[in-house]
N, C-alpha and C. Protein backbone atom coordinates (compact mmCIF):
# COMPACT_ATOMS: atom_id res chain seq x y z
N MET A 1 -20.98 -15.48 4.99
CA MET A 1 -19.64 -15.46 4.41
C MET A 1 -19.11 -14.03 4.46
N ALA A 2 -17.91 -13.86 4.96
CA ALA A 2 -17.30 -12.54 5.07
C ALA A 2 -16.60 -12.17 3.76
N ILE A 3 -16.54 -10.89 3.51
CA ILE A 3 -15.83 -10.38 2.33
C ILE A 3 -14.62 -9.60 2.83
N MET A 4 -13.47 -9.91 2.28
CA MET A 4 -12.22 -9.23 2.65
C MET A 4 -11.78 -8.40 1.45
N GLU A 5 -11.54 -7.12 1.67
CA GLU A 5 -11.06 -6.28 0.57
C GLU A 5 -9.55 -6.36 0.49
N GLY A 6 -9.05 -6.43 -0.71
CA GLY A 6 -7.63 -6.43 -0.92
C GLY A 6 -7.30 -5.54 -2.10
N ILE A 7 -6.04 -5.40 -2.37
CA ILE A 7 -5.60 -4.56 -3.49
C ILE A 7 -4.67 -5.39 -4.35
N ASP A 8 -4.93 -5.37 -5.65
CA ASP A 8 -4.08 -6.07 -6.60
C ASP A 8 -2.95 -5.11 -6.99
N TRP A 9 -1.77 -5.34 -6.40
CA TRP A 9 -0.63 -4.45 -6.64
C TRP A 9 0.19 -4.85 -7.86
N SER A 10 -0.21 -5.90 -8.56
CA SER A 10 0.63 -6.48 -9.62
C SER A 10 0.96 -5.51 -10.77
N GLU A 11 0.12 -4.51 -10.99
CA GLU A 11 0.38 -3.59 -12.10
C GLU A 11 0.91 -2.23 -11.65
N CYS A 12 1.22 -2.09 -10.38
CA CYS A 12 1.70 -0.80 -9.87
C CYS A 12 3.22 -0.73 -9.98
N PRO A 13 3.76 0.20 -10.77
CA PRO A 13 5.21 0.30 -10.94
C PRO A 13 5.96 0.73 -9.67
N LEU A 14 5.26 1.29 -8.70
CA LEU A 14 5.90 1.72 -7.46
C LEU A 14 6.04 0.59 -6.45
N VAL A 15 5.46 -0.57 -6.76
CA VAL A 15 5.40 -1.66 -5.79
C VAL A 15 6.14 -2.89 -6.32
N GLU A 16 6.81 -3.58 -5.39
CA GLU A 16 7.46 -4.84 -5.74
C GLU A 16 7.18 -5.87 -4.65
N VAL A 17 7.26 -7.13 -5.04
CA VAL A 17 7.08 -8.24 -4.09
C VAL A 17 8.32 -9.13 -4.22
N LYS A 18 9.01 -9.28 -3.09
CA LYS A 18 10.19 -10.15 -3.05
C LYS A 18 10.00 -11.11 -1.88
N PRO A 19 10.16 -12.42 -2.11
CA PRO A 19 9.95 -13.40 -1.04
C PRO A 19 10.74 -13.11 0.24
N GLY A 20 11.96 -12.59 0.13
CA GLY A 20 12.79 -12.34 1.30
C GLY A 20 12.59 -11.00 1.97
N VAL A 21 11.68 -10.18 1.44
CA VAL A 21 11.44 -8.85 2.00
C VAL A 21 10.03 -8.80 2.58
N GLN A 22 9.93 -8.51 3.87
CA GLN A 22 8.64 -8.40 4.57
C GLN A 22 7.76 -9.63 4.31
N SER A 23 8.36 -10.79 4.31
CA SER A 23 7.64 -12.07 4.12
C SER A 23 6.84 -12.11 2.82
N GLY A 24 7.32 -11.41 1.80
CA GLY A 24 6.66 -11.43 0.50
C GLY A 24 5.50 -10.46 0.37
N ALA A 25 5.31 -9.59 1.36
CA ALA A 25 4.25 -8.59 1.28
C ALA A 25 4.64 -7.52 0.26
N PRO A 26 3.67 -6.92 -0.43
CA PRO A 26 3.99 -5.85 -1.38
C PRO A 26 4.62 -4.66 -0.64
N VAL A 27 5.76 -4.19 -1.16
CA VAL A 27 6.46 -3.06 -0.56
C VAL A 27 6.72 -1.98 -1.59
N LEU A 28 6.98 -0.78 -1.11
CA LEU A 28 7.37 0.32 -1.98
C LEU A 28 8.70 -0.06 -2.62
N ARG A 29 8.77 0.01 -3.94
CA ARG A 29 9.96 -0.43 -4.67
C ARG A 29 11.24 0.19 -4.10
N GLY A 30 12.23 -0.68 -3.85
CA GLY A 30 13.52 -0.23 -3.34
C GLY A 30 13.56 0.01 -1.84
N THR A 31 12.45 -0.33 -1.16
CA THR A 31 12.39 -0.13 0.30
C THR A 31 11.86 -1.41 0.96
N ARG A 32 11.72 -1.35 2.26
CA ARG A 32 11.08 -2.44 3.01
C ARG A 32 9.73 -1.97 3.55
N MET A 33 9.22 -0.87 2.98
CA MET A 33 7.97 -0.24 3.44
C MET A 33 6.76 -0.95 2.86
N PRO A 34 5.99 -1.69 3.70
CA PRO A 34 4.78 -2.36 3.20
C PRO A 34 3.75 -1.33 2.75
N VAL A 35 3.29 -1.46 1.52
CA VAL A 35 2.32 -0.49 1.02
C VAL A 35 0.98 -0.59 1.74
N ASP A 36 0.66 -1.76 2.29
CA ASP A 36 -0.58 -1.89 3.05
C ASP A 36 -0.57 -0.98 4.28
N ALA A 37 0.60 -0.71 4.83
CA ALA A 37 0.70 0.20 5.99
C ALA A 37 0.29 1.61 5.58
N ILE A 38 0.65 2.02 4.37
CA ILE A 38 0.26 3.34 3.87
C ILE A 38 -1.26 3.41 3.74
N VAL A 39 -1.83 2.41 3.09
CA VAL A 39 -3.28 2.38 2.86
C VAL A 39 -4.04 2.27 4.18
N ASP A 40 -3.58 1.38 5.07
CA ASP A 40 -4.26 1.20 6.36
C ASP A 40 -4.25 2.49 7.18
N ASN A 41 -3.12 3.19 7.20
CA ASN A 41 -3.04 4.45 7.94
C ASN A 41 -4.00 5.48 7.36
N PHE A 42 -4.05 5.57 6.03
CA PHE A 42 -4.95 6.51 5.38
C PHE A 42 -6.40 6.16 5.68
N ASP A 43 -6.74 4.87 5.59
CA ASP A 43 -8.11 4.42 5.88
C ASP A 43 -8.48 4.73 7.33
N TYR A 44 -7.49 4.75 8.21
CA TYR A 44 -7.72 5.03 9.63
C TYR A 44 -7.87 6.53 9.89
N GLY A 45 -7.57 7.36 8.88
CA GLY A 45 -7.76 8.80 9.04
C GLY A 45 -6.49 9.62 9.10
N VAL A 46 -5.33 8.98 8.90
CA VAL A 46 -4.06 9.71 8.92
C VAL A 46 -3.90 10.42 7.57
N SER A 47 -3.47 11.67 7.59
CA SER A 47 -3.33 12.44 6.36
C SER A 47 -2.12 11.96 5.55
N THR A 48 -2.13 12.27 4.26
CA THR A 48 -1.00 11.86 3.41
C THR A 48 0.29 12.52 3.88
N ALA A 49 0.22 13.78 4.33
CA ALA A 49 1.42 14.46 4.82
C ALA A 49 1.98 13.76 6.07
N GLU A 50 1.08 13.35 6.97
CA GLU A 50 1.52 12.64 8.18
C GLU A 50 2.13 11.29 7.84
N ILE A 51 1.51 10.58 6.89
CA ILE A 51 2.04 9.28 6.47
C ILE A 51 3.43 9.45 5.88
N ALA A 52 3.59 10.43 4.99
CA ALA A 52 4.88 10.69 4.37
C ALA A 52 5.94 11.00 5.42
N ASN A 53 5.58 11.81 6.39
CA ASN A 53 6.51 12.19 7.45
C ASN A 53 6.83 10.98 8.34
N GLN A 54 5.80 10.26 8.73
CA GLN A 54 5.97 9.10 9.63
C GLN A 54 6.88 8.03 9.02
N PHE A 55 6.68 7.74 7.74
CA PHE A 55 7.44 6.67 7.10
C PHE A 55 8.65 7.18 6.30
N GLU A 56 8.84 8.51 6.32
CA GLU A 56 9.98 9.14 5.63
C GLU A 56 10.03 8.78 4.15
N ILE A 57 8.87 8.97 3.50
CA ILE A 57 8.79 8.78 2.05
C ILE A 57 8.16 10.03 1.44
N PRO A 58 8.46 10.33 0.18
CA PRO A 58 7.93 11.54 -0.44
C PRO A 58 6.39 11.53 -0.50
N PRO A 59 5.76 12.67 -0.22
CA PRO A 59 4.29 12.75 -0.27
C PRO A 59 3.73 12.32 -1.63
N GLU A 60 4.49 12.58 -2.70
CA GLU A 60 4.02 12.21 -4.04
C GLU A 60 3.87 10.69 -4.15
N GLN A 61 4.77 9.95 -3.51
CA GLN A 61 4.67 8.49 -3.54
C GLN A 61 3.47 8.02 -2.73
N VAL A 62 3.22 8.65 -1.60
CA VAL A 62 2.05 8.31 -0.80
C VAL A 62 0.79 8.53 -1.63
N GLU A 63 0.69 9.68 -2.27
CA GLU A 63 -0.47 10.00 -3.11
C GLU A 63 -0.63 8.99 -4.24
N ALA A 64 0.47 8.63 -4.89
CA ALA A 64 0.41 7.68 -6.01
C ALA A 64 -0.05 6.30 -5.54
N ILE A 65 0.45 5.86 -4.39
CA ILE A 65 0.03 4.56 -3.84
C ILE A 65 -1.46 4.59 -3.51
N LEU A 66 -1.92 5.65 -2.88
CA LEU A 66 -3.33 5.75 -2.50
C LEU A 66 -4.23 5.83 -3.73
N THR A 67 -3.82 6.56 -4.74
CA THR A 67 -4.60 6.66 -5.97
C THR A 67 -4.70 5.29 -6.64
N TYR A 68 -3.58 4.59 -6.72
CA TYR A 68 -3.59 3.24 -7.31
C TYR A 68 -4.49 2.32 -6.49
N ALA A 69 -4.35 2.37 -5.17
CA ALA A 69 -5.13 1.47 -4.29
C ALA A 69 -6.63 1.69 -4.47
N LYS A 70 -7.05 2.94 -4.60
CA LYS A 70 -8.48 3.23 -4.76
C LYS A 70 -9.05 2.60 -6.02
N SER A 71 -8.26 2.56 -7.08
CA SER A 71 -8.78 2.04 -8.34
C SER A 71 -8.51 0.55 -8.55
N HIS A 72 -7.84 -0.10 -7.59
CA HIS A 72 -7.52 -1.53 -7.75
C HIS A 72 -7.95 -2.38 -6.56
N ARG A 73 -8.94 -1.91 -5.82
CA ARG A 73 -9.46 -2.72 -4.70
C ARG A 73 -10.27 -3.88 -5.27
N VAL A 74 -10.06 -5.04 -4.72
CA VAL A 74 -10.81 -6.22 -5.13
C VAL A 74 -11.37 -6.92 -3.89
N ALA A 75 -12.56 -7.44 -4.00
CA ALA A 75 -13.18 -8.15 -2.88
C ALA A 75 -12.93 -9.64 -3.01
N HIS A 76 -12.61 -10.26 -1.89
CA HIS A 76 -12.37 -11.69 -1.85
C HIS A 76 -13.33 -12.31 -0.84
N SER A 77 -13.95 -13.41 -1.20
CA SER A 77 -14.79 -14.13 -0.24
C SER A 77 -13.91 -14.94 0.68
N LEU A 78 -14.26 -14.98 1.96
CA LEU A 78 -13.49 -15.77 2.93
C LEU A 78 -14.18 -17.09 3.18
């Protein structure tokens, strides 16, 4: 059985989920920026400064998303 890691974004004030935005994927509040893209890029080795520049969002928001993600990872059985 495989284990898939996910992040519970439900308590993060920087994140919102709207059915009509990015197919209901969690996004940075007030944007269409999927927060999983931030985390995936960081996990792949991209620096927070590069992520902020690439997606045109403040570095502080990138840091806050990554900090939240680290403390809210949950494992799901597939």
